[in-house]
Amino acid sequence: PTTASGGLVDGDTTGRARGAGLDAGECLRAHSSLKLLQATGDLVITGPTGTNVNDLKLILVGH
């Protein structure tokens, strides 16, 4: 169980990860999203929700 419900990342997330000494690609391969999102400040904390839907929603916004 966790109080985290997910994360919101942006174009600066990988830079913040590097600044924290983390490699975003390696964290993804190791299934360490919690560690990365905590380190970058991108973790969304809601408290216990009682659900585990494991959904992934992506939005790609072009410049």
PDB file of N, CA and C in Angstrom:
ATOM      1  N   PRO A   1       0.826  -1.203   0.000  1.00  0.00           N
ATOM      2  CA  PRO A   1       0.000   0.000   0.000  1.00  0.00           C
ATOM      3  C   PRO A   1       0.862   1.256   0.000  1.00  0.00           C
ATOM      4  N   THR A   2       0.376   2.252  -0.646  1.00  0.00           N
ATOM      5  CA  THR A   2       1.084   3.524  -0.711  1.00  0.00           C
ATOM      6  C   THR A   2       0.071   4.656  -0.697  1.00  0.00           C
ATOM      7  N   THR A   3       0.491   5.821  -0.291  1.00  0.00           N
ATOM      8  CA  THR A   3      -0.372   6.999  -0.332  1.00  0.00           C
ATOM      9  C   THR A   3      -0.237   7.726  -1.655  1.00  0.00           C
ATOM     10  N   ALA A   4       0.666   7.255  -2.511  1.00  0.00           N
ATOM     11  CA  ALA A   4       0.874   7.882  -3.815  1.00  0.00           C
ATOM     12  C   ALA A   4      -0.134   7.332  -4.819  1.00  0.00           C
ATOM     13  N   SER A   5      -0.689   8.226  -5.630  1.00  0.00           N
ATOM     14  CA  SER A   5      -1.631   7.779  -6.649  1.00  0.00           C
ATOM     15  C   SER A   5      -1.019   7.815  -8.039  1.00  0.00           C
ATOM     16  N   GLY A   6       0.163   8.362  -8.181  1.00  0.00           N
ATOM     17  CA  GLY A   6       0.806   8.437  -9.488  1.00  0.00           C
ATOM     18  C   GLY A   6       1.763   9.605  -9.538  1.00  0.00           C
ATOM     19  N   GLY A   7       1.987  10.079 -10.740  1.00  0.00           N
ATOM     20  CA  GLY A   7       2.901  11.191 -10.907  1.00  0.00           C
ATOM     21  C   GLY A   7       2.530  12.024 -12.107  1.00  0.00           C
ATOM     22  N   LEU A   8       2.935  13.265 -12.082  1.00  0.00           N
ATOM     23  CA  LEU A   8       2.773  14.172 -13.211  1.00  0.00           C
ATOM     24  C   LEU A   8       4.163  14.622 -13.624  1.00  0.00           C
ATOM     25  N   VAL A   9       4.549  14.260 -14.825  1.00  0.00           N
ATOM     26  CA  VAL A   9       5.885  14.605 -15.302  1.00  0.00           C
ATOM     27  C   VAL A   9       5.795  15.625 -16.425  1.00  0.00           C
ATOM     28  N   ASP A  10       6.899  16.300 -16.663  1.00  0.00           N
ATOM     29  CA  ASP A  10       6.953  17.286 -17.731  1.00  0.00           C
ATOM     30  C   ASP A  10       8.307  17.212 -18.423  1.00  0.00           C
ATOM     31  N   GLY A  11       8.567  18.128 -19.295  1.00  0.00           N
ATOM     32  CA  GLY A  11       9.806  18.138 -20.056  1.00  0.00           C
ATOM     33  C   GLY A  11      11.057  18.321 -19.226  1.00  0.00           C
ATOM     34  N   ASP A  12      10.913  18.745 -17.988  1.00  0.00           N
ATOM     35  CA  ASP A  12      12.067  18.953 -17.115  1.00  0.00           C
ATOM     36  C   ASP A  12      12.315  17.794 -16.149  1.00  0.00           C
ATOM     37  N   THR A  13      11.452  16.791 -16.166  1.00  0.00           N
ATOM     38  CA  THR A  13      11.572  15.682 -15.212  1.00  0.00           C
ATOM     39  C   THR A  13      12.899  14.954 -15.346  1.00  0.00           C
ATOM     40  N   THR A  14      13.316  14.648 -16.569  1.00  0.00           N
ATOM     41  CA  THR A  14      14.576  13.907 -16.723  1.00  0.00           C
ATOM     42  C   THR A  14      15.758  14.734 -16.243  1.00  0.00           C
ATOM     43  N   GLY A  15      15.711  16.047 -16.439  1.00  0.00           N
ATOM     44  CA  GLY A  15      16.777  16.909 -15.940  1.00  0.00           C
ATOM     45  C   GLY A  15      16.829  16.921 -14.423  1.00  0.00           C
ATOM     46  N   ARG A  16      15.664  16.975 -13.794  1.00  0.00           N
ATOM     47  CA  ARG A  16      15.625  16.925 -12.330  1.00  0.00           C
ATOM     48  C   ARG A  16      16.114  15.569 -11.833  1.00  0.00           C
ATOM     49  N   ALA A  17      15.788  14.510 -12.575  1.00  0.00           N
ATOM     50  CA  ALA A  17      16.264  13.169 -12.200  1.00  0.00           C
ATOM     51  C   ALA A  17      17.789  13.118 -12.262  1.00  0.00           C
ATOM     52  N   ARG A  18      18.360  13.639 -13.347  1.00  0.00           N
ATOM     53  CA  ARG A  18      19.828  13.676 -13.463  1.00  0.00           C
ATOM     54  C   ARG A  18      20.435  14.471 -12.322  1.00  0.00           C
ATOM     55  N   GLY A  19      19.811  15.586 -11.975  1.00  0.00           N
ATOM     56  CA  GLY A  19      20.295  16.406 -10.867  1.00  0.00           C
ATOM     57  C   GLY A  19      20.256  15.672  -9.532  1.00  0.00           C
ATOM     58  N   ALA A  20      19.357  14.692  -9.428  1.00  0.00           N
ATOM     59  CA  ALA A  20      19.247  13.890  -8.207  1.00  0.00           C
ATOM     60  C   ALA A  20      20.101  12.627  -8.295  1.00  0.00           C
ATOM     61  N   GLY A  21      20.894  12.517  -9.380  1.00  0.00           N
ATOM     62  CA  GLY A  21      21.763  11.355  -9.534  1.00  0.00           C
ATOM     63  C   GLY A  21      21.058  10.119 -10.061  1.00  0.00           C
ATOM     64  N   LEU A  22      19.900  10.302 -10.694  1.00  0.00           N
ATOM     65  CA  LEU A  22      19.140   9.169 -11.222  1.00  0.00           C
ATOM     66  C   LEU A  22      19.086   9.209 -12.740  1.00  0.00           C
ATOM     67  N   ASP A  23      19.024   8.033 -13.346  1.00  0.00           N
ATOM     68  CA  ASP A  23      18.836   7.899 -14.781  1.00  0.00           C
ATOM     69  C   ASP A  23      17.387   7.472 -15.007  1.00  0.00           C
ATOM     70  N   ALA A  24      16.603   8.319 -15.670  1.00  0.00           N
ATOM     71  CA  ALA A  24      15.178   8.039 -15.846  1.00  0.00           C
ATOM     72  C   ALA A  24      14.948   6.724 -16.583  1.00  0.00           C
ATOM     73  N   GLY A  25      15.731   6.456 -17.620  1.00  0.00           N
ATOM     74  CA  GLY A  25      15.586   5.207 -18.362  1.00  0.00           C
ATOM     75  C   GLY A  25      15.853   3.992 -17.497  1.00  0.00           C
ATOM     76  N   GLU A  26      16.883   4.071 -16.680  1.00  0.00           N
ATOM     77  CA  GLU A  26      17.207   2.947 -15.792  1.00  0.00           C
ATOM     78  C   GLU A  26      16.114   2.757 -14.743  1.00  0.00           C
ATOM     79  N   CYS A  27      15.576   3.853 -14.227  1.00  0.00           N
ATOM     80  CA  CYS A  27      14.481   3.736 -13.259  1.00  0.00           C
ATOM     81  C   CYS A  27      13.268   3.061 -13.891  1.00  0.00           C
ATOM     82  N   LEU A  28      12.972   3.385 -15.146  1.00  0.00           N
ATOM     83  CA  LEU A  28      11.857   2.728 -15.831  1.00  0.00           C
ATOM     84  C   LEU A  28      12.133   1.244 -16.018  1.00  0.00           C
ATOM     85  N   ARG A  29      13.340   0.903 -16.451  1.00  0.00           N
ATOM     86  CA  ARG A  29      13.687  -0.513 -16.649  1.00  0.00           C
ATOM     87  C   ARG A  29      13.623  -1.298 -15.344  1.00  0.00           C
ATOM     88  N   ALA A  30      13.971  -0.638 -14.240  1.00  0.00           N
ATOM     89  CA  ALA A  30      13.980  -1.304 -12.932  1.00  0.00           C
ATOM     90  C   ALA A  30      12.625  -1.198 -12.216  1.00  0.00           C
ATOM     91  N   HIS A  31      11.625  -0.608 -12.904  1.00  0.00           N
ATOM     92  CA  HIS A  31      10.296  -0.421 -12.304  1.00  0.00           C
ATOM     93  C   HIS A  31      10.397   0.380 -11.003  1.00  0.00           C
ATOM     94  N   SER A  32      11.224   1.428 -11.029  1.00  0.00           N
ATOM     95  CA  SER A  32      11.457   2.271  -9.846  1.00  0.00           C
ATOM     96  C   SER A  32      10.836   3.653 -10.019  1.00  0.00           C
ATOM     97  N   SER A  33       9.600   3.698 -10.490  1.00  0.00           N
ATOM     98  CA  SER A  33       8.979   4.997 -10.722  1.00  0.00           C
ATOM     99  C   SER A  33       8.778   5.776  -9.424  1.00  0.00           C
ATOM    100  N   LEU A  34       8.462   5.095  -8.336  1.00  0.00           N
ATOM    101  CA  LEU A  34       8.263   5.795  -7.062  1.00  0.00           C
ATOM    102  C   LEU A  34       9.524   6.546  -6.661  1.00  0.00           C
ATOM    103  N   LYS A  35      10.657   5.884  -6.755  1.00  0.00           N
ATOM    104  CA  LYS A  35      11.945   6.499  -6.401  1.00  0.00           C
ATOM    105  C   LYS A  35      12.200   7.740  -7.257  1.00  0.00           C
ATOM    106  N   LEU A  36      11.984   7.622  -8.566  1.00  0.00           N
ATOM    107  CA  LEU A  36      12.229   8.736  -9.475  1.00  0.00           C
ATOM    108  C   LEU A  36      11.254   9.876  -9.209  1.00  0.00           C
ATOM    109  N   LEU A  37       9.970   9.560  -9.083  1.00  0.00           N
ATOM    110  CA  LEU A  37       8.970  10.606  -8.877  1.00  0.00           C
ATOM    111  C   LEU A  37       9.163  11.324  -7.548  1.00  0.00           C
ATOM    112  N   GLN A  38       9.586  10.610  -6.522  1.00  0.00           N
ATOM    113  CA  GLN A  38       9.883  11.257  -5.236  1.00  0.00           C
ATOM    114  C   GLN A  38      11.066  12.208  -5.389  1.00  0.00           C
ATOM    115  N   ALA A  39      12.112  11.755  -6.063  1.00  0.00           N
ATOM    116  CA  ALA A  39      13.333  12.550  -6.207  1.00  0.00           C
ATOM    117  C   ALA A  39      13.111  13.802  -7.041  1.00  0.00           C
ATOM    118  N   THR A  40      12.193  13.748  -8.005  1.00  0.00           N
ATOM    119  CA  THR A  40      11.969  14.886  -8.893  1.00  0.00           C
ATOM    120  C   THR A  40      10.845  15.803  -8.423  1.00  0.00           C
ATOM    121  N   GLY A  41      10.149  15.399  -7.363  1.00  0.00           N
ATOM    122  CA  GLY A  41       9.035  16.208  -6.878  1.00  0.00           C
ATOM    123  C   GLY A  41       7.783  16.059  -7.716  1.00  0.00           C
ATOM    124  N   ASP A  42       7.710  15.007  -8.526  1.00  0.00           N
ATOM    125  CA  ASP A  42       6.579  14.802  -9.428  1.00  0.00           C
ATOM    126  C   ASP A  42       5.571  13.779  -8.915  1.00  0.00           C
ATOM    127  N   LEU A  43       5.740  13.315  -7.702  1.00  0.00           N
ATOM    128  CA  LEU A  43       4.848  12.315  -7.131  1.00  0.00           C
ATOM    129  C   LEU A  43       3.543  12.972  -6.682  1.00  0.00           C
ATOM    130  N   VAL A  44       2.426  12.345  -6.980  1.00  0.00           N
ATOM    131  CA  VAL A  44       1.118  12.835  -6.547  1.00  0.00           C
ATOM    132  C   VAL A  44       0.690  12.008  -5.340  1.00  0.00           C
ATOM    133  N   ILE A  45       0.514  12.674  -4.208  1.00  0.00           N
ATOM    134  CA  ILE A  45       0.103  12.016  -2.969  1.00  0.00           C
ATOM    135  C   ILE A  45      -1.366  12.345  -2.711  1.00  0.00           C
ATOM    136  N   THR A  46      -2.205  11.329  -2.634  1.00  0.00           N
ATOM    137  CA  THR A  46      -3.630  11.545  -2.376  1.00  0.00           C
ATOM    138  C   THR A  46      -4.070  10.947  -1.059  1.00  0.00           C
ATOM    139  N   GLY A  47      -3.247  10.072  -0.493  1.00  0.00           N
ATOM    140  CA  GLY A  47      -3.680   9.278   0.643  1.00  0.00           C
ATOM    141  C   GLY A  47      -4.271   7.984   0.112  1.00  0.00           C
ATOM    142  N   PRO A  48      -4.614   7.062   0.982  1.00  0.00           N
ATOM    143  CA  PRO A  48      -5.151   5.776   0.539  1.00  0.00           C
ATOM    144  C   PRO A  48      -6.430   5.949  -0.283  1.00  0.00           C
ATOM    145  N   THR A  49      -6.487   5.291  -1.433  1.00  0.00           N
ATOM    146  CA  THR A  49      -7.671   5.364  -2.291  1.00  0.00           C
ATOM    147  C   THR A  49      -8.465   4.070  -2.285  1.00  0.00           C
ATOM    148  N   GLY A  50      -7.835   2.974  -1.858  1.00  0.00           N
ATOM    149  CA  GLY A  50      -8.525   1.696  -1.845  1.00  0.00           C
ATOM    150  C   GLY A  50      -8.629   1.042  -3.206  1.00  0.00           C
ATOM    151  N   THR A  51      -7.939   1.617  -4.197  1.00  0.00           N
ATOM    152  CA  THR A  51      -7.978   1.037  -5.539  1.00  0.00           C
ATOM    153  C   THR A  51      -6.567   0.798  -6.045  1.00  0.00           C
ATOM    154  N   ASN A  52      -6.447  -0.080  -7.006  1.00  0.00           N
ATOM    155  CA  ASN A  52      -5.186  -0.343  -7.684  1.00  0.00           C
ATOM    156  C   ASN A  52      -5.522  -0.665  -9.129  1.00  0.00           C
ATOM    157  N   VAL A  53      -5.751   0.369  -9.908  1.00  0.00           N
ATOM    158  CA  VAL A  53      -6.209   0.156 -11.278  1.00  0.00           C
ATOM    159  C   VAL A  53      -5.069   0.042 -12.280  1.00  0.00           C
ATOM    160  N   ASN A  54      -3.884   0.467 -11.921  1.00  0.00           N
ATOM    161  CA  ASN A  54      -2.708   0.346 -12.788  1.00  0.00           C
ATOM    162  C   ASN A  54      -2.923   0.913 -14.184  1.00  0.00           C
ATOM    163  N   ASP A  55      -3.583   2.038 -14.284  1.00  0.00           N
ATOM    164  CA  ASP A  55      -3.787   2.678 -15.580  1.00  0.00           C
ATOM    165  C   ASP A  55      -2.663   3.661 -15.856  1.00  0.00           C
ATOM    166  N   LEU A  56      -2.349   3.802 -17.129  1.00  0.00           N
ATOM    167  CA  LEU A  56      -1.345   4.767 -17.553  1.00  0.00           C
ATOM    168  C   LEU A  56      -1.988   5.683 -18.574  1.00  0.00           C
ATOM    169  N   LYS A  57      -1.953   6.946 -18.317  1.00  0.00           N
ATOM    170  CA  LYS A  57      -2.498   7.937 -19.237  1.00  0.00           C
ATOM    171  C   LYS A  57      -1.364   8.858 -19.661  1.00  0.00           C
ATOM    172  N   LEU A  58      -1.193   9.024 -20.952  1.00  0.00           N
ATOM    173  CA  LEU A  58      -0.140   9.887 -21.485  1.00  0.00           C
ATOM    174  C   LEU A  58      -0.756  10.957 -22.363  1.00  0.00           C
ATOM    175  N   ILE A  59      -0.200  12.139 -22.279  1.00  0.00           N
ATOM    176  CA  ILE A  59      -0.579  13.224 -23.169  1.00  0.00           C
ATOM    177  C   ILE A  59       0.710  13.785 -23.741  1.00  0.00           C
ATOM    178  N   LEU A  60       0.830  13.787 -25.055  1.00  0.00           N
ATOM    179  CA  LEU A  60       2.000  14.343 -25.724  1.00  0.00           C
ATOM    180  C   LEU A  60       1.592  15.661 -26.356  1.00  0.00           C
ATOM    181  N   VAL A  61       2.249  16.718 -25.930  1.00  0.00           N
ATOM    182  CA  VAL A  61       1.941  18.039 -26.439  1.00  0.00           C
ATOM    183  C   VAL A  61       3.122  18.515 -27.261  1.00  0.00           C
ATOM    184  N   GLY A  62       2.895  18.787 -28.531  1.00  0.00           N
ATOM    185  CA  GLY A  62       3.959  19.268 -29.403  1.00  0.00           C
ATOM    186  C   GLY A  62       4.201  20.753 -29.211  1.00  0.00           C
ATOM    187  N   HIS A  63       5.377  21.176 -29.621  1.00  0.00           N
ATOM    188  CA  HIS A  63       5.719  22.604 -29.510  1.00  0.00           C
ATOM    189  C   HIS A  63       5.410  23.309 -30.795  1.00  0.00           C
TER     190      HIS A  63
END
